Amino acid sequence: MAMIELEVLQADVTELEVDAITNAANTQLKHGGGVAAAIARAAGPRSSVSRTKKPRSAWAMR
């Protein structure tokens, strides 16, 4: 059986040095409040590219 390493942090997700941040979104991919809004503010204009590229599959939006 493969070992899985899990690390739990209490931190500001926008301040972590990571390659990517994923977040649950509504079907319109709007980042109007909460964690989604904080991520969008921290990312600035560069985040708009990934938000406008919707998944190809309708299943991914369920």
C-alpha atoms as a PDB file:
ATOM      1  CA  MET A   1       0.000   0.000   0.000  1.00  0.00           C
ATOM      2  CA  ALA A   2       1.313   3.442  -0.945  1.00  0.00           C
ATOM      3  CA  MET A   3       1.972   5.914   1.827  1.00  0.00           C
ATOM      4  CA  ILE A   4       0.242   9.272   1.699  1.00  0.00           C
ATOM      5  CA  GLU A   5       1.668  12.315   3.426  1.00  0.00           C
ATOM      6  CA  LEU A   6      -0.815  14.911   4.623  1.00  0.00           C
ATOM      7  CA  GLU A   7       0.110  18.283   6.064  1.00  0.00           C
ATOM      8  CA  VAL A   8      -2.488  20.476   7.755  1.00  0.00           C
ATOM      9  CA  LEU A   9      -1.787  24.189   8.104  1.00  0.00           C
ATOM     10  CA  GLN A  10      -3.592  27.088   9.666  1.00  0.00           C
ATOM     11  CA  ALA A  11      -2.525  29.922   7.392  1.00  0.00           C
ATOM     12  CA  ASP A  12      -3.565  32.526   4.859  1.00  0.00           C
ATOM     13  CA  VAL A  13      -3.851  30.538   1.620  1.00  0.00           C
ATOM     14  CA  THR A  14      -2.899  33.639  -0.399  1.00  0.00           C
ATOM     15  CA  GLU A  15       0.450  33.887   1.419  1.00  0.00           C
ATOM     16  CA  LEU A  16       1.631  30.296   0.853  1.00  0.00           C
ATOM     17  CA  GLU A  17       4.422  29.593  -1.655  1.00  0.00           C
ATOM     18  CA  VAL A  18       2.605  27.152  -3.935  1.00  0.00           C
ATOM     19  CA  ASP A  19       2.297  26.494  -7.670  1.00  0.00           C
ATOM     20  CA  ALA A  20      -1.501  26.634  -7.710  1.00  0.00           C
ATOM     21  CA  ILE A  21      -4.536  27.213  -5.527  1.00  0.00           C
ATOM     22  CA  THR A  22      -7.855  25.534  -6.252  1.00  0.00           C
ATOM     23  CA  ASN A  23     -11.142  26.551  -4.761  1.00  0.00           C
ATOM     24  CA  ALA A  24     -14.745  25.456  -4.999  1.00  0.00           C
ATOM     25  CA  ALA A  25     -16.736  27.719  -7.297  1.00  0.00           C
ATOM     26  CA  ASN A  26     -20.270  28.262  -8.456  1.00  0.00           C
ATOM     27  CA  THR A  27     -21.286  27.312 -12.003  1.00  0.00           C
ATOM     28  CA  GLN A  28     -20.462  30.816 -13.291  1.00  0.00           C
ATOM     29  CA  LEU A  29     -16.944  30.656 -11.758  1.00  0.00           C
ATOM     30  CA  LYS A  30     -17.635  33.936  -9.935  1.00  0.00           C
ATOM     31  CA  HIS A  31     -15.379  34.860  -7.025  1.00  0.00           C
ATOM     32  CA  GLY A  32     -17.758  37.152  -5.198  1.00  0.00           C
ATOM     33  CA  GLY A  33     -16.961  36.451  -1.570  1.00  0.00           C
ATOM     34  CA  GLY A  34     -15.126  34.453   1.051  1.00  0.00           C
ATOM     35  CA  VAL A  35     -12.027  32.466   0.153  1.00  0.00           C
ATOM     36  CA  ALA A  36     -12.674  32.828  -3.592  1.00  0.00           C
ATOM     37  CA  ALA A  37     -12.694  36.629  -3.361  1.00  0.00           C
ATOM     38  CA  ALA A  38      -9.511  36.651  -1.250  1.00  0.00           C
ATOM     39  CA  ILE A  39      -7.728  34.472  -3.812  1.00  0.00           C
ATOM     40  CA  ALA A  40      -8.903  36.690  -6.692  1.00  0.00           C
ATOM     41  CA  ARG A  41      -7.758  39.877  -4.910  1.00  0.00           C
ATOM     42  CA  ALA A  42      -4.344  38.401  -4.105  1.00  0.00           C
ATOM     43  CA  ALA A  43      -3.825  37.101  -7.650  1.00  0.00           C
ATOM     44  CA  GLY A  44      -4.860  40.341  -9.300  1.00  0.00           C
ATOM     45  CA  PRO A  45      -5.492  40.545 -13.062  1.00  0.00           C
ATOM     46  CA  ARG A  46      -3.572  37.338 -13.843  1.00  0.00           C
ATOM     47  CA  SER A  47      -6.310  35.287 -12.201  1.00  0.00           C
ATOM     48  CA  SER A  48      -8.886  36.395 -14.769  1.00  0.00           C
ATOM     49  CA  VAL A  49      -7.340  34.139 -17.426  1.00  0.00           C
ATOM     50  CA  SER A  50      -7.912  30.955 -15.469  1.00  0.00           C
ATOM     51  CA  ARG A  51     -11.392  32.055 -14.414  1.00  0.00           C
ATOM     52  CA  THR A  52     -12.511  32.596 -18.006  1.00  0.00           C
ATOM     53  CA  LYS A  53     -11.297  29.191 -19.215  1.00  0.00           C
ATOM     54  CA  LYS A  54     -14.264  27.063 -18.252  1.00  0.00           C
ATOM     55  CA  PRO A  55     -13.987  23.261 -18.154  1.00  0.00           C
ATOM     56  CA  ARG A  56     -14.808  21.505 -21.435  1.00  0.00           C
ATOM     57  CA  SER A  57     -17.073  19.013 -19.729  1.00  0.00           C
ATOM     58  CA  ALA A  58     -20.492  19.940 -18.390  1.00  0.00           C
ATOM     59  CA  TRP A  59     -19.931  17.189 -15.813  1.00  0.00           C
ATOM     60  CA  ALA A  60     -17.114  19.265 -14.291  1.00  0.00           C
ATOM     61  CA  MET A  61     -19.598  22.034 -13.555  1.00  0.00           C
ATOM     62  CA  ARG A  62     -21.962  19.873 -11.469  1.00  0.00           C
END
